[in-house]
Amino acid sequence: KVGQQVILTSDRYPKEIEGLEERLKSRFGWGLTV
């Protein structure tokens, strides 16, 4: 749905999470990582 957010917390960058689909890694990578 449009306008919804997903908040993901982890001790790793999205590209380092094993088992996560490449398309999701890419999308999460565009978000804010702190």
PDB file of N, CA and C in Angstrom:
ATOM      1  N   LYS A   1       0.835  -1.183   0.000  1.00  0.00           N
ATOM      2  CA  LYS A   1       0.000   0.000   0.000  1.00  0.00           C
ATOM      3  C   LYS A   1       0.878   1.243   0.000  1.00  0.00           C
ATOM      4  N   VAL A   2       0.361   2.287  -0.563  1.00  0.00           N
ATOM      5  CA  VAL A   2       1.099   3.538  -0.667  1.00  0.00           C
ATOM      6  C   VAL A   2       1.091   4.252   0.682  1.00  0.00           C
ATOM      7  N   GLY A   3       2.221   4.847   1.036  1.00  0.00           N
ATOM      8  CA  GLY A   3       2.299   5.661   2.236  1.00  0.00           C
ATOM      9  C   GLY A   3       2.618   4.905   3.509  1.00  0.00           C
ATOM     10  N   GLN A   4       2.935   3.622   3.405  1.00  0.00           N
ATOM     11  CA  GLN A   4       3.273   2.869   4.605  1.00  0.00           C
ATOM     12  C   GLN A   4       4.784   2.785   4.754  1.00  0.00           C
ATOM     13  N   GLN A   5       5.222   2.564   5.991  1.00  0.00           N
ATOM     14  CA  GLN A   5       6.647   2.463   6.271  1.00  0.00           C
ATOM     15  C   GLN A   5       6.968   1.088   6.825  1.00  0.00           C
ATOM     16  N   VAL A   6       8.200   0.666   6.586  1.00  0.00           N
ATOM     17  CA  VAL A   6       8.740  -0.536   7.207  1.00  0.00           C
ATOM     18  C   VAL A   6       9.974  -0.092   7.969  1.00  0.00           C
ATOM     19  N   ILE A   7      10.038  -0.462   9.231  1.00  0.00           N
ATOM     20  CA  ILE A   7      11.204  -0.127  10.047  1.00  0.00           C
ATOM     21  C   ILE A   7      11.928  -1.428  10.361  1.00  0.00           C
ATOM     22  N   LEU A   8      13.182  -1.486   9.964  1.00  0.00           N
ATOM     23  CA  LEU A   8      14.005  -2.674  10.153  1.00  0.00           C
ATOM     24  C   LEU A   8      15.168  -2.296  11.056  1.00  0.00           C
ATOM     25  N   THR A   9      15.332  -3.027  12.141  1.00  0.00           N
ATOM     26  CA  THR A   9      16.485  -2.786  13.008  1.00  0.00           C
ATOM     27  C   THR A   9      17.388  -4.011  12.961  1.00  0.00           C
ATOM     28  N   SER A  10      18.677  -3.757  12.954  1.00  0.00           N
ATOM     29  CA  SER A  10      19.645  -4.839  12.858  1.00  0.00           C
ATOM     30  C   SER A  10      21.012  -4.316  13.270  1.00  0.00           C
ATOM     31  N   ASP A  11      21.910  -5.238  13.550  1.00  0.00           N
ATOM     32  CA  ASP A  11      23.284  -4.849  13.854  1.00  0.00           C
ATOM     33  C   ASP A  11      24.168  -4.937  12.612  1.00  0.00           C
ATOM     34  N   ARG A  12      23.523  -5.072  11.439  1.00  0.00           N
ATOM     35  CA  ARG A  12      24.240  -5.173  10.168  1.00  0.00           C
ATOM     36  C   ARG A  12      23.589  -4.279   9.129  1.00  0.00           C
ATOM     37  N   TYR A  13      24.365  -3.971   8.100  1.00  0.00           N
ATOM     38  CA  TYR A  13      23.804  -3.251   6.961  1.00  0.00           C
ATOM     39  C   TYR A  13      22.928  -4.215   6.167  1.00  0.00           C
ATOM     40  N   PRO A  14      21.924  -3.703   5.454  1.00  0.00           N
ATOM     41  CA  PRO A  14      21.030  -4.581   4.686  1.00  0.00           C
ATOM     42  C   PRO A  14      21.775  -5.531   3.742  1.00  0.00           C
ATOM     43  N   LYS A  15      22.851  -5.057   3.112  1.00  0.00           N
ATOM     44  CA  LYS A  15      23.583  -5.911   2.164  1.00  0.00           C
ATOM     45  C   LYS A  15      24.302  -7.067   2.854  1.00  0.00           C
ATOM     46  N   GLU A  16      24.462  -7.003   4.174  1.00  0.00           N
ATOM     47  CA  GLU A  16      25.166  -8.049   4.916  1.00  0.00           C
ATOM     48  C   GLU A  16      24.231  -9.098   5.508  1.00  0.00           C
ATOM     49  N   ILE A  17      22.930  -8.933   5.342  1.00  0.00           N
ATOM     50  CA  ILE A  17      21.966  -9.860   5.934  1.00  0.00           C
ATOM     51  C   ILE A  17      21.775 -11.048   4.997  1.00  0.00           C
ATOM     52  N   GLU A  18      22.170 -12.221   5.462  1.00  0.00           N
ATOM     53  CA  GLU A  18      22.037 -13.429   4.651  1.00  0.00           C
ATOM     54  C   GLU A  18      20.582 -13.873   4.616  1.00  0.00           C
ATOM     55  N   GLY A  19      20.168 -14.412   3.490  1.00  0.00           N
ATOM     56  CA  GLY A  19      18.808 -14.919   3.354  1.00  0.00           C
ATOM     57  C   GLY A  19      17.787 -13.866   2.964  1.00  0.00           C
ATOM     58  N   LEU A  20      18.215 -12.625   2.850  1.00  0.00           N
ATOM     59  CA  LEU A  20      17.323 -11.543   2.446  1.00  0.00           C
ATOM     60  C   LEU A  20      17.400 -11.399   0.929  1.00  0.00           C
ATOM     61  N   GLU A  21      16.253 -11.344   0.274  1.00  0.00           N
ATOM     62  CA  GLU A  21      16.233 -11.247  -1.185  1.00  0.00           C
ATOM     63  C   GLU A  21      16.971  -9.991  -1.651  1.00  0.00           C
ATOM     64  N   GLU A  22      17.619 -10.112  -2.803  1.00  0.00           N
ATOM     65  CA  GLU A  22      18.397  -8.993  -3.347  1.00  0.00           C
ATOM     66  C   GLU A  22      17.538  -7.747  -3.552  1.00  0.00           C
ATOM     67  N   ARG A  23      16.296  -7.936  -3.993  1.00  0.00           N
ATOM     68  CA  ARG A  23      15.428  -6.774  -4.232  1.00  0.00           C
ATOM     69  C   ARG A  23      15.128  -6.048  -2.923  1.00  0.00           C
ATOM     70  N   LEU A  24      15.028  -6.786  -1.819  1.00  0.00           N
ATOM     71  CA  LEU A  24      14.789  -6.149  -0.524  1.00  0.00           C
ATOM     72  C   LEU A  24      16.053  -5.472  -0.011  1.00  0.00           C
ATOM     73  N   LYS A  25      17.193  -6.094  -0.227  1.00  0.00           N
ATOM     74  CA  LYS A  25      18.462  -5.462   0.161  1.00  0.00           C
ATOM     75  C   LYS A  25      18.611  -4.117  -0.532  1.00  0.00           C
ATOM     76  N   SER A  26      18.262  -4.099  -1.812  1.00  0.00           N
ATOM     77  CA  SER A  26      18.366  -2.869  -2.586  1.00  0.00           C
ATOM     78  C   SER A  26      17.421  -1.805  -2.043  1.00  0.00           C
ATOM     79  N   ARG A  27      16.188  -2.190  -1.776  1.00  0.00           N
ATOM     80  CA  ARG A  27      15.204  -1.218  -1.280  1.00  0.00           C
ATOM     81  C   ARG A  27      15.576  -0.699   0.104  1.00  0.00           C
ATOM     82  N   PHE A  28      15.992  -1.604   0.991  1.00  0.00           N
ATOM     83  CA  PHE A  28      16.384  -1.164   2.330  1.00  0.00           C
ATOM     84  C   PHE A  28      17.647  -0.319   2.273  1.00  0.00           C
ATOM     85  N   GLY A  29      18.512  -0.596   1.319  1.00  0.00           N
ATOM     86  CA  GLY A  29      19.737   0.176   1.149  1.00  0.00           C
ATOM     87  C   GLY A  29      19.478   1.627   0.770  1.00  0.00           C
ATOM     88  N   TRP A  30      18.335   1.901   0.138  1.00  0.00           N
ATOM     89  CA  TRP A  30      17.978   3.268  -0.237  1.00  0.00           C
ATOM     90  C   TRP A  30      17.469   4.061   0.955  1.00  0.00           C
ATOM     91  N   GLY A  31      17.140   3.369   2.047  1.00  0.00           N
ATOM     92  CA  GLY A  31      16.617   4.045   3.234  1.00  0.00           C
ATOM     93  C   GLY A  31      17.732   4.634   4.083  1.00  0.00           C
ATOM     94  N   LEU A  32      17.366   5.128   5.230  1.00  0.00           N
ATOM     95  CA  LEU A  32      18.319   5.740   6.157  1.00  0.00           C
ATOM     96  C   LEU A  32      18.977   4.659   6.994  1.00  0.00           C
ATOM     97  N   THR A  33      20.298   4.587   6.966  1.00  0.00           N
ATOM     98  CA  THR A  33      21.041   3.666   7.828  1.00  0.00           C
ATOM     99  C   THR A  33      21.917   4.489   8.749  1.00  0.00           C
ATOM    100  N   VAL A  34      21.803   4.208  10.018  1.00  0.00           N
ATOM    101  CA  VAL A  34      22.541   4.964  11.027  1.00  0.00           C
ATOM    102  C   VAL A  34      23.354   4.008  11.868  1.00  0.00           C
TER     103      VAL A  34
END
